[in-house]
Amino acid sequence: MTSVLSSPSSAGLRFRSSRLGNNSSHGSAERVSSGSSRHLSTEARPLVQQVPSTVEEEKGLPNASVASVGKTVAYLEQHHTSLLRHYYHIMSLNSHEDKHEILPAFAFQEVVLGDIIGRGGFSFVHEIRKLRPQEVYDTGNEEAAARAKFSSTLKRGSGNATPSNKDPTELYVLKTLRPDLPEDEMNKGIIDLAVEAQFLAALSHPHILSLRGHSNSDPLESRYFVILDRLVSTLDTKLKTWRKDVGINQGMWLGPCIGYCCSRDHVLHRIWLERFTVARDVASAMQYLHYQDIVYRDLKPDNIGFDSDGVLKMFDFGLAKRVTSADKTDDDHYNLTGNTGSLRYMAPEVALNMPYSLSVDAYSFGVLFWQLCALSVPYSGYSCKMHADFVVGKGHRPRPEASWPDDWTALMRKCWSADANDRPKFEKILEVMNRELDHWSSEGEDYMSNEELGKDSDKIKARKSKSVFKIRARRDSQRLDIDTRLAKPVGLTEKRHEATIV
């Protein structure tokens, strides 16, 4: 990938489907990320401040956008140097990759927006009603063709691969920064979106959200945006639906001797299949990321979505990081930012600001897998302080149901082991998920009553278990789902990031 993201005059971002980064790129990457001076050298940054004014005039773009980028770079160099290095690091790696299809770039004026359908800590997500490409923004024949081809997918009956019977607003969304952010949050949001765009442009996996287009402005400009496939729901929503459906179809509990009466086993079986399919798809995406040496660091239901065809898509790569030898310690861990992500799914070593490895994603998966099986929120009612005391300090973990097969429980416990070296790699996790799915598929409705494969595994309750920590958690008021990029410093293991996350 070229440095096209660094200039409005660039031809357009290109994306690829092979491995992100290679050994030949490590040298330039390390020069960018390991500089001792807080001020980045001219060699280490894209030419964001050297865009010719004639280009701006030819395209009708405001010169103020160049000044805006320069202001952002200056602020980040002064306050968040390591975060800016992280962004340039990714760009230097991507610049060594093979170029494939051009990703269309559009001016903000060419996009007709609909309603705001999502709000994040840094960004708004708008539906896209239509695109109105203008020739003045074409930078070449290839780029013009890419822009025209993508724009046509938003027209009914266009004859393209996109189903013409779908409403245009059902296809894509535009993600851009919130205009109401204070200065520091705005600058962190700018780099967060720029990093995510770089990652999504370089990744290609059926269960990772695809980047379809982007702004023709510099990523370090506050009006930068990305165009993504529209998702219709998240895993958090599905978990609530499954829990309700299990409660309705589980029947009446008549005691341990009899069990459930009048349960609809075929519905329960379908829901189990759906949950294990989710676990398998997540494991597949994570295996792909780890193969690219990328640690995701934010695996949770809110970052797992589903498109209109029900296909799982992981999104929000703002906390993702490609690890390199420059960050490596003597024990094969990496010096990365601690307390990164959501505490509910955060490995202890991350919460303690210790060096860590790719295995922190396996820890998150173990907690998520328990949630998929239990249909309950892990550490429900815990505050941040209680998480530090009980989970990080004393090794407390969610309690597996006695009725679950031993393979499930063993995998969970291996994933959330306090010893990072004990956690399985995602190749092993994926192997277990595929095996379980094969069992469910081959046994059909009879699987739930198959004593060889499970011990009354249909008795998982849809009700959330009572928490003895509810009252204390309410008093504490600090909850586990706070984004560490936004929250303020609170306690010893709850350090929040007015500093940068890299």
Protein backbone atom coordinates (compact mmCIF):
# COMPACT_ATOMS: atom_id res chain seq x y z
CA MET A 1 0.00 0.00 0.00
CA THR A 2 1.40 3.37 -0.97
CA SER A 3 1.26 6.47 1.15
CA VAL A 4 -1.90 7.56 -0.63
CA LEU A 5 -3.60 8.03 2.70
CA SER A 6 -1.29 10.90 3.40
CA SER A 7 -2.31 13.30 0.68
CA PRO A 8 -5.52 14.55 -0.97
CA SER A 9 -3.64 14.40 -4.25
CA SER A 10 -3.12 10.66 -3.98
CA ALA A 11 -4.69 8.24 -6.39
CA GLY A 12 -6.61 6.23 -3.82
CA LEU A 13 -6.08 3.62 -1.18
CA ARG A 14 -5.41 0.10 -2.36
CA PHE A 15 -6.30 -3.01 -0.48
CA ARG A 16 -5.04 -6.54 -0.54
CA SER A 17 -5.76 -10.10 0.54
CA SER A 18 -2.37 -11.51 1.52
CA ARG A 19 -0.20 -11.21 4.60
CA LEU A 20 0.16 -7.78 6.23
CA GLY A 21 3.80 -6.86 6.56
CA ASN A 22 6.86 -8.90 5.70
CA ASN A 23 10.41 -9.24 6.89
CA SER A 24 11.74 -6.81 4.34
CA SER A 25 9.58 -4.07 5.83
CA HIS A 26 10.78 -4.46 9.39
CA GLY A 27 13.79 -2.23 8.96
CA SER A 28 11.82 0.84 7.95
CA ALA A 29 9.15 0.06 10.52
CA GLU A 30 11.67 -0.08 13.35
CA ARG A 31 13.26 3.19 12.28
CA VAL A 32 9.88 4.82 12.64
CA SER A 33 8.92 3.25 15.95
CA SER A 34 12.19 3.30 17.84
CA GLY A 35 13.37 6.89 17.47
CA SER A 36 14.66 8.37 20.68
CA SER A 37 13.59 11.94 19.97
CA ARG A 38 10.05 13.10 20.69
CA HIS A 39 10.10 15.05 17.42
CA LEU A 40 9.65 12.79 14.41
CA SER A 41 12.06 13.29 11.57
CA THR A 42 10.83 14.29 8.13
CA GLU A 43 11.80 10.84 6.82
CA ALA A 44 9.52 9.12 9.32
CA ARG A 45 6.32 10.85 8.32
CA PRO A 46 4.21 11.01 5.14
CA LEU A 47 4.34 14.31 3.30
CA VAL A 48 1.16 15.56 4.94
CA GLN A 49 2.51 19.08 5.16
CA GLN A 50 3.96 19.17 1.67
CA VAL A 51 0.83 18.87 -0.49
CA PRO A 52 1.20 21.36 -3.35
CA SER A 53 -1.30 24.21 -3.15
CA THR A 54 -1.93 23.84 -6.88
CA VAL A 55 -3.45 20.40 -6.28
CA GLU A 56 -5.84 21.90 -3.75
CA GLU A 57 -6.78 24.63 -6.20
CA GLU A 58 -7.31 22.21 -9.09
CA LYS A 59 -9.60 19.99 -7.02
CA GLY A 60 -11.47 22.83 -5.41
CA LEU A 61 -10.45 21.67 -1.95
CA PRO A 62 -9.91 24.17 0.84
CA ASN A 63 -6.32 24.99 1.72
CA ALA A 64 -7.52 24.95 5.31
CA SER A 65 -7.49 21.13 5.24
CA VAL A 66 -3.70 21.11 4.83
CA ALA A 67 -3.34 23.54 7.72
CA SER A 68 -5.67 21.32 9.78
CA VAL A 69 -3.46 18.28 9.19
CA GLY A 70 -0.37 20.24 10.12
CA LYS A 71 -2.02 21.36 13.34
CA THR A 72 -3.04 17.78 14.18
CA VAL A 73 0.47 16.46 13.51
CA ALA A 74 2.01 19.19 15.67
CA TYR A 75 -0.39 18.42 18.52
CA LEU A 76 0.22 14.67 18.32
CA GLU A 77 4.00 15.15 18.18
CA GLN A 78 3.82 17.21 21.36
CA HIS A 79 1.28 15.18 23.35
CA HIS A 80 0.98 11.69 21.80
CA THR A 81 4.25 10.97 20.01
CA SER A 82 4.11 7.19 20.39
CA LEU A 83 0.59 7.07 18.98
CA LEU A 84 1.67 9.04 15.91
CA ARG A 85 4.66 6.71 15.49
CA HIS A 86 2.27 3.77 15.66
CA TYR A 87 0.27 5.19 12.76
CA TYR A 88 3.36 5.88 10.62
CA HIS A 89 4.66 2.44 11.55
CA ILE A 90 1.57 0.81 10.04
CA MET A 91 1.84 2.98 6.96
CA SER A 92 5.49 2.02 6.46
CA LEU A 93 4.57 -1.66 6.64
CA ASN A 94 1.66 -1.27 4.25
CA SER A 95 3.79 0.64 1.75
CA HIS A 96 5.81 -2.54 1.13
CA GLU A 97 2.75 -4.61 0.24
CA ASP A 98 1.65 -5.68 -3.20
CA LYS A 99 -0.96 -3.34 -4.68
CA HIS A 100 -4.25 -4.76 -5.79
CA GLU A 101 -7.63 -3.18 -6.40
CA ILE A 102 -7.93 0.57 -5.83
CA LEU A 103 -10.21 1.61 -3.01
CA PRO A 104 -12.46 4.48 -4.18
CA ALA A 105 -11.95 7.87 -2.54
CA PHE A 106 -14.74 10.43 -2.27
CA ALA A 107 -15.08 14.03 -1.18
CA PHE A 108 -17.46 14.68 1.69
CA GLN A 109 -19.60 16.76 -0.69
CA GLU A 110 -20.21 13.71 -2.90
CA VAL A 111 -21.87 11.66 -0.15
CA VAL A 112 -25.57 12.08 0.66
CA LEU A 113 -25.96 11.02 4.28
CA GLY A 114 -29.00 9.60 6.03
CA ASP A 115 -29.66 9.17 9.72
CA ILE A 116 -27.04 8.65 12.40
CA ILE A 117 -27.38 4.96 13.25
CA GLY A 118 -24.45 4.56 15.65
CA ARG A 119 -22.47 6.56 18.17
CA GLY A 120 -19.08 5.71 19.63
CA GLY A 121 -16.66 7.37 21.98
CA PHE A 122 -14.95 9.12 19.07
CA SER A 123 -17.25 8.75 16.08
CA PHE A 124 -20.68 8.86 14.47
CA VAL A 125 -21.92 6.26 11.99
CA HIS A 126 -24.28 7.52 9.28
CA GLU A 127 -26.30 5.58 6.74
CA ILE A 128 -25.45 6.46 3.13
CA ARG A 129 -28.41 7.32 0.92
CA LYS A 130 -26.50 7.84 -2.32
CA LEU A 131 -23.21 8.92 -3.85
CA ARG A 132 -22.93 11.75 -6.36
CA PRO A 133 -19.42 11.48 -7.87
CA GLN A 134 -18.15 14.63 -9.57
CA GLU A 135 -15.48 14.61 -12.26
CA VAL A 136 -13.51 17.34 -10.52
CA TYR A 137 -12.52 14.79 -7.86
CA ASP A 138 -11.28 12.15 -10.34
CA THR A 139 -7.50 11.85 -10.12
CA GLY A 140 -6.95 9.39 -12.96
CA ASN A 141 -8.68 6.82 -15.15
CA GLU A 142 -8.27 3.95 -12.70
CA GLU A 143 -9.52 6.02 -9.81
CA ALA A 144 -12.46 7.35 -11.80
CA ALA A 145 -13.46 3.81 -12.79
CA ALA A 146 -13.27 2.63 -9.16
CA ARG A 147 -15.40 5.55 -8.00
CA ALA A 148 -18.01 5.00 -10.71
CA LYS A 149 -18.16 1.26 -10.12
CA PHE A 150 -18.70 1.63 -6.39
CA SER A 151 -21.27 4.42 -6.81
CA SER A 152 -23.31 2.19 -9.12
CA THR A 153 -23.77 -0.39 -6.37
CA LEU A 154 -26.01 2.10 -4.58
CA LYS A 155 -28.42 2.19 -7.50
CA ARG A 156 -31.31 -0.26 -7.70
CA GLY A 157 -31.20 -2.57 -10.68
CA SER A 158 -27.57 -1.74 -11.36
CA GLY A 159 -26.73 -5.27 -12.45
CA ASN A 160 -23.74 -5.43 -10.11
CA ALA A 161 -22.92 -8.13 -7.59
CA THR A 162 -24.74 -6.16 -4.90
CA PRO A 163 -28.36 -7.34 -4.69
CA SER A 164 -30.42 -4.75 -6.55
CA ASN A 165 -33.51 -5.41 -4.44
CA LYS A 166 -31.89 -3.90 -1.35
CA ASP A 167 -32.53 -0.34 -0.33
CA PRO A 168 -29.31 1.69 -0.84
CA THR A 169 -29.28 2.65 2.85
CA GLU A 170 -29.00 -1.04 3.78
CA LEU A 171 -25.64 -1.50 2.08
CA TYR A 172 -23.02 0.88 3.47
CA VAL A 173 -22.33 3.31 6.29
CA LEU A 174 -20.01 6.26 6.71
CA LYS A 175 -17.94 6.51 9.88
CA THR A 176 -16.48 9.88 10.81
CA LEU A 177 -15.39 11.77 13.89
CA ARG A 178 -17.84 13.41 16.24
CA PRO A 179 -17.61 17.20 15.94
CA ASP A 180 -18.29 17.76 19.66
CA LEU A 181 -15.06 16.24 21.03
CA PRO A 182 -12.66 18.34 23.13
CA GLU A 183 -9.25 18.97 21.58
CA ASP A 184 -7.37 16.05 23.11
CA GLU A 185 -10.16 13.56 22.45
CA MET A 186 -10.52 14.88 18.90
CA ASN A 187 -6.84 14.31 18.16
CA LYS A 188 -6.91 10.83 19.69
CA GLY A 189 -10.05 10.13 17.66
CA ILE A 190 -8.34 11.27 14.46
CA ILE A 191 -5.45 8.87 14.95
CA ASP A 192 -7.82 6.10 16.10
CA LEU A 193 -9.82 6.28 12.86
CA ALA A 194 -6.66 6.61 10.74
CA VAL A 195 -5.18 3.47 12.34
CA GLU A 196 -8.42 1.55 11.82
CA ALA A 197 -8.54 2.56 8.15
CA GLN A 198 -4.98 1.35 7.62
CA PHE A 199 -5.70 -2.00 9.22
CA LEU A 200 -8.99 -2.62 7.41
CA ALA A 201 -7.44 -1.67 4.06
CA ALA A 202 -4.70 -4.27 4.56
CA LEU A 203 -6.86 -7.12 5.89
CA SER A 204 -9.07 -9.50 3.96
CA HIS A 205 -11.04 -12.15 5.84
CA PRO A 206 -14.70 -13.23 5.54
CA HIS A 207 -15.28 -12.42 9.22
CA ILE A 208 -13.56 -9.03 9.34
CA LEU A 209 -15.48 -5.94 8.28
CA SER A 210 -14.50 -4.72 4.81
CA LEU A 211 -13.37 -1.20 4.04
CA ARG A 212 -15.23 -0.17 0.85
CA GLY A 213 -14.11 3.41 0.40
CA HIS A 214 -12.64 6.40 2.18
CA SER A 215 -12.31 10.15 2.15
CA ASN A 216 -10.05 11.83 -0.40
CA SER A 217 -8.67 13.98 2.40
CA ASP A 218 -5.72 13.14 4.62
CA PRO A 219 -6.53 10.64 7.41
CA LEU A 220 -5.13 13.12 9.92
CA GLU A 221 -7.76 15.68 8.92
CA SER A 222 -10.81 15.93 11.19
CA ARG A 223 -13.29 15.47 8.32
CA TYR A 224 -11.75 12.17 7.23
CA PHE A 225 -14.21 9.29 6.91
CA VAL A 226 -14.36 5.64 5.92
CA ILE A 227 -17.11 3.73 4.11
CA LEU A 228 -17.91 0.31 5.56
CA ASP A 229 -20.40 -2.48 5.00
CA ARG A 230 -23.51 -1.89 7.07
CA LEU A 231 -24.08 -4.24 9.99
CA VAL A 232 -27.59 -4.89 11.25
CA SER A 233 -26.86 -6.14 14.77
CA THR A 234 -24.11 -6.94 17.24
CA LEU A 235 -23.32 -10.03 19.26
CA ASP A 236 -24.47 -8.18 22.37
CA THR A 237 -27.95 -7.96 20.85
CA LYS A 238 -27.92 -11.60 19.76
CA LEU A 239 -26.92 -12.76 23.24
CA LYS A 240 -29.98 -11.05 24.70
CA THR A 241 -32.21 -12.60 22.03
CA TRP A 242 -30.78 -16.09 22.59
CA ARG A 243 -31.20 -15.77 26.33
CA LYS A 244 -34.86 -14.84 25.91
CA ASP A 245 -35.46 -17.65 23.40
CA VAL A 246 -33.78 -20.25 25.62
CA GLY A 247 -35.91 -19.13 28.56
CA ILE A 248 -39.08 -19.53 26.49
CA ASN A 249 -38.19 -22.89 24.94
CA GLN A 250 -36.47 -24.60 27.85
CA GLY A 251 -39.74 -25.77 29.37
CA MET A 252 -40.62 -26.25 33.02
CA TRP A 253 -38.03 -27.39 35.60
CA LEU A 254 -39.43 -30.37 37.56
CA GLY A 255 -36.39 -31.07 39.71
CA PRO A 256 -33.11 -32.95 39.25
CA CYS A 257 -34.80 -36.35 38.97
CA ILE A 258 -37.02 -35.39 36.05
CA GLY A 259 -35.35 -32.34 34.55
CA TYR A 260 -37.11 -30.04 32.11
CA CYS A 261 -40.59 -30.88 30.86
CA CYS A 262 -42.06 -29.78 27.51
CA SER A 263 -38.82 -28.23 26.24
CA ARG A 264 -38.51 -27.58 22.51
CA ASP A 265 -35.25 -29.37 21.88
CA HIS A 266 -35.07 -28.52 18.17
CA VAL A 267 -35.11 -24.78 18.98
CA LEU A 268 -32.52 -25.18 21.72
CA HIS A 269 -30.36 -27.21 19.36
CA ARG A 270 -30.55 -24.49 16.70
CA ILE A 271 -29.50 -21.85 19.23
CA TRP A 272 -26.52 -23.99 20.31
CA LEU A 273 -25.48 -24.32 16.67
CA GLU A 274 -25.70 -20.56 16.20
CA ARG A 275 -23.61 -19.88 19.31
CA PHE A 276 -20.87 -22.32 18.36
CA THR A 277 -20.85 -20.95 14.84
CA VAL A 278 -20.15 -17.52 16.33
CA ALA A 279 -17.34 -18.94 18.47
CA ARG A 280 -15.84 -20.70 15.44
CA ASP A 281 -16.03 -17.60 13.23
CA VAL A 282 -14.45 -15.39 15.89
CA ALA A 283 -11.65 -17.92 16.40
CA SER A 284 -11.08 -18.03 12.64
CA ALA A 285 -10.76 -14.23 12.42
CA MET A 286 -8.46 -14.13 15.44
CA GLN A 287 -6.25 -16.87 14.00
CA TYR A 288 -5.92 -14.76 10.84
CA LEU A 289 -4.99 -11.64 12.81
CA HIS A 290 -2.41 -13.47 14.90
CA TYR A 291 -0.92 -14.92 11.73
CA GLN A 292 -0.35 -11.28 10.73
CA ASP A 293 1.27 -10.63 14.15
CA ILE A 294 -1.66 -8.36 15.07
CA VAL A 295 -2.95 -8.27 18.63
CA TYR A 296 -6.58 -7.12 18.65
CA ARG A 297 -6.89 -6.16 22.36
CA ASP A 298 -10.63 -5.42 22.34
CA LEU A 299 -12.47 -8.70 21.80
CA LYS A 300 -16.00 -8.31 23.18
CA PRO A 301 -19.63 -8.65 21.99
CA ASP A 302 -19.91 -4.94 21.16
CA ASN A 303 -17.15 -5.30 18.54
CA ILE A 304 -18.67 -8.32 16.81
CA GLY A 305 -21.45 -7.63 14.33
CA PHE A 306 -23.59 -9.32 11.69
CA ASP A 307 -24.48 -8.14 8.22
CA SER A 308 -27.90 -8.47 6.58
CA ASP A 309 -27.04 -12.02 5.51
CA GLY A 310 -26.19 -13.04 9.08
CA VAL A 311 -22.44 -13.25 8.42
CA LEU A 312 -20.28 -12.42 11.44
CA LYS A 313 -17.95 -9.43 11.05
CA MET A 314 -15.38 -8.19 13.56
CA PHE A 315 -14.93 -4.44 13.55
CA ASP A 316 -13.37 -1.52 15.47
CA PHE A 317 -9.62 -1.94 15.00
CA GLY A 318 -8.71 1.25 16.81
CA LEU A 319 -6.83 -0.70 19.51
CA ALA A 320 -5.23 -3.25 17.17
CA LYS A 321 -1.44 -3.32 17.08
CA ARG A 322 1.03 -5.17 14.89
CA VAL A 323 3.81 -6.36 17.18
CA THR A 324 7.42 -6.22 16.02
CA SER A 325 10.82 -7.21 17.30
CA ALA A 326 11.34 -3.59 18.40
CA ASP A 327 8.72 -4.10 21.14
CA LYS A 328 9.88 -7.57 22.18
CA THR A 329 11.22 -8.44 25.63
CA ASP A 330 13.56 -11.28 26.62
CA ASP A 331 10.64 -13.58 27.54
CA ASP A 332 8.85 -13.23 24.18
CA HIS A 333 6.40 -10.65 25.46
CA TYR A 334 6.04 -7.12 24.14
CA ASN A 335 6.24 -3.66 25.70
CA LEU A 336 2.78 -2.41 24.79
CA THR A 337 0.35 -0.05 26.47
CA GLY A 338 -1.31 -1.53 29.53
CA ASN A 339 -4.94 -1.31 30.61
CA THR A 340 -6.06 -1.29 27.00
CA GLY A 341 -9.58 -2.42 26.07
CA SER A 342 -12.55 -3.27 28.31
CA LEU A 343 -11.80 -4.62 31.78
CA ARG A 344 -14.48 -7.31 31.58
CA TYR A 345 -12.47 -9.11 28.89
CA MET A 346 -9.00 -7.84 29.77
CA ALA A 347 -6.15 -10.20 30.68
CA PRO A 348 -4.58 -9.59 34.12
CA GLU A 349 -1.17 -8.69 32.72
CA VAL A 350 -2.76 -5.94 30.60
CA ALA A 351 -4.65 -4.57 33.62
CA LEU A 352 -1.37 -4.57 35.58
CA ASN A 353 0.50 -2.66 32.86
CA MET A 354 2.96 -5.52 32.39
CA PRO A 355 4.50 -6.66 29.07
CA TYR A 356 2.16 -9.03 27.25
CA SER A 357 1.78 -11.09 24.10
CA LEU A 358 -0.83 -12.14 21.54
CA SER A 359 -2.22 -14.52 24.18
CA VAL A 360 -4.22 -11.67 25.73
CA ASP A 361 -6.72 -12.22 22.92
CA ALA A 362 -7.05 -15.87 23.94
CA TYR A 363 -7.92 -14.71 27.46
CA SER A 364 -10.66 -12.47 26.04
CA PHE A 365 -11.93 -15.35 23.93
CA GLY A 366 -12.19 -17.60 27.00
CA VAL A 367 -14.41 -15.07 28.78
CA LEU A 368 -16.45 -14.55 25.60
CA PHE A 369 -16.86 -18.31 25.12
CA TRP A 370 -18.20 -18.62 28.68
CA GLN A 371 -20.66 -15.82 27.88
CA LEU A 372 -21.83 -17.60 24.74
CA CYS A 373 -22.47 -20.78 26.70
CA ALA A 374 -23.97 -19.23 29.85
CA LEU A 375 -25.90 -16.42 28.14
CA SER A 376 -24.98 -14.30 31.15
CA VAL A 377 -22.71 -11.29 31.52
CA PRO A 378 -19.29 -12.26 32.94
CA TYR A 379 -18.45 -10.54 36.24
CA SER A 380 -21.96 -9.13 36.35
CA GLY A 381 -22.17 -6.41 38.97
CA TYR A 382 -18.42 -6.06 39.43
CA SER A 383 -16.92 -2.59 39.62
CA CYS A 384 -13.44 -1.71 38.39
CA LYS A 385 -12.05 -1.96 41.92
CA MET A 386 -13.67 -5.35 42.45
CA HIS A 387 -12.25 -6.56 39.14
CA ALA A 388 -8.78 -5.47 40.31
CA ASP A 389 -9.22 -7.15 43.71
CA PHE A 390 -10.90 -10.41 42.73
CA VAL A 391 -10.11 -11.11 39.06
CA VAL A 392 -6.64 -9.61 38.71
CA GLY A 393 -5.51 -9.99 42.32
CA LYS A 394 -7.09 -13.29 43.39
CA GLY A 395 -7.62 -15.09 40.08
CA HIS A 396 -11.42 -15.25 40.16
CA ARG A 397 -13.03 -16.35 36.90
CA PRO A 398 -16.61 -17.02 35.73
CA ARG A 399 -17.93 -20.35 37.01
CA PRO A 400 -18.65 -22.96 34.28
CA GLU A 401 -21.93 -24.87 34.62
CA ALA A 402 -21.55 -28.40 35.95
CA SER A 403 -23.63 -29.66 33.03
CA TRP A 404 -21.20 -28.46 30.38
CA PRO A 405 -18.96 -31.03 28.67
CA ASP A 406 -15.43 -31.21 30.05
CA ASP A 407 -13.93 -30.06 26.74
CA TRP A 408 -15.72 -26.72 26.99
CA THR A 409 -14.68 -26.09 30.57
CA ALA A 410 -11.10 -27.14 29.91
CA LEU A 411 -10.82 -24.76 26.95
CA MET A 412 -12.22 -21.83 28.95
CA ARG A 413 -9.83 -22.43 31.82
CA LYS A 414 -6.85 -22.75 29.51
CA CYS A 415 -7.78 -19.52 27.73
CA TRP A 416 -8.18 -17.44 30.89
CA SER A 417 -5.21 -18.92 32.71
CA ALA A 418 -3.25 -16.39 34.75
CA ASP A 419 -0.11 -17.82 33.13
CA ALA A 420 -0.04 -16.42 29.60
CA ASN A 421 2.18 -19.30 28.44
CA ASP A 422 -0.57 -21.81 29.28
CA ARG A 423 -3.12 -20.20 26.98
CA PRO A 424 -3.78 -22.02 23.69
CA LYS A 425 -3.09 -20.51 20.31
CA PHE A 426 -6.07 -19.84 18.10
CA GLU A 427 -5.15 -22.76 15.85
CA LYS A 428 -6.01 -25.03 18.80
CA ILE A 429 -9.08 -23.02 19.75
CA LEU A 430 -10.36 -23.21 16.18
CA GLU A 431 -9.74 -26.94 16.13
CA VAL A 432 -11.92 -27.39 19.24
CA MET A 433 -14.67 -25.17 17.84
CA ASN A 434 -14.75 -27.06 14.55
CA ARG A 435 -14.91 -30.37 16.40
CA GLU A 436 -17.82 -29.19 18.55
CA LEU A 437 -19.68 -27.88 15.52
CA ASP A 438 -19.20 -31.22 13.78
CA HIS A 439 -20.75 -32.95 16.79
CA TRP A 440 -23.75 -30.65 16.83
CA SER A 441 -24.29 -30.98 13.10
CA SER A 442 -23.88 -34.76 12.93
CA GLU A 443 -26.02 -35.52 15.96
CA GLY A 444 -28.81 -33.14 15.06
CA GLU A 445 -31.60 -32.82 17.59
CA ASP A 446 -30.47 -35.98 19.37
CA TYR A 447 -27.20 -34.35 20.41
CA MET A 448 -28.74 -32.63 23.40
CA SER A 449 -29.75 -35.96 24.90
CA ASN A 450 -26.59 -37.81 23.94
CA GLU A 451 -25.03 -38.77 27.26
CA GLU A 452 -21.66 -39.57 25.68
CA LEU A 453 -21.21 -36.00 24.47
CA GLY A 454 -22.75 -33.94 27.25
CA LYS A 455 -24.19 -34.07 30.74
CA ASP A 456 -27.67 -32.55 30.42
CA SER A 457 -26.20 -29.69 28.44
CA ASP A 458 -29.70 -28.45 27.60
CA LYS A 459 -30.10 -27.24 31.20
CA ILE A 460 -28.13 -24.02 30.79
CA LYS A 461 -30.29 -21.34 32.34
CA ALA A 462 -31.23 -18.17 30.52
CA ARG A 463 -31.59 -16.21 33.74
CA LYS A 464 -28.68 -14.10 34.90
CA SER A 465 -27.30 -15.48 38.15
CA LYS A 466 -27.56 -13.24 41.18
CA SER A 467 -24.44 -11.32 42.07
CA VAL A 468 -23.36 -10.81 45.67
CA PHE A 469 -21.46 -7.74 44.49
CA LYS A 470 -24.46 -5.81 43.10
CA ILE A 471 -24.84 -3.31 45.94
CA ARG A 472 -21.11 -2.63 46.27
CA ALA A 473 -20.76 -2.19 42.52
CA ARG A 474 -23.49 0.43 42.41
CA ARG A 475 -21.79 2.37 45.18
CA ASP A 476 -18.44 2.15 43.43
CA SER A 477 -20.05 3.40 40.19
CA GLN A 478 -17.01 2.45 38.06
CA ARG A 479 -18.16 -0.27 35.65
CA LEU A 480 -16.18 -2.71 33.54
CA ASP A 481 -17.40 -1.62 30.11
CA ILE A 482 -15.79 1.83 30.14
CA ASP A 483 -13.56 2.41 27.10
CA THR A 484 -10.03 2.91 28.44
CA ARG A 485 -9.34 5.41 25.66
CA LEU A 486 -11.93 7.76 27.15
CA ALA A 487 -12.06 7.23 30.93
CA LYS A 488 -10.03 9.13 33.48
CA PRO A 489 -7.45 7.80 35.98
CA VAL A 490 -9.09 6.13 38.96
CA GLY A 491 -6.90 3.66 40.83
CA LEU A 492 -3.83 1.49 40.87
CA THR A 493 -4.81 -1.01 38.18
CA GLU A 494 -7.37 1.30 36.63
CA LYS A 495 -5.02 3.74 34.96
CA ARG A 496 -6.87 5.41 32.12
CA HIS A 497 -5.32 6.82 29.03
CA GLU A 498 -4.80 10.48 28.83
CA ALA A 499 -1.58 8.95 27.47
CA THR A 500 -1.54 7.19 24.13
CA ILE A 501 -2.39 3.56 23.46
CA VAL A 502 0.11 1.74 21.26
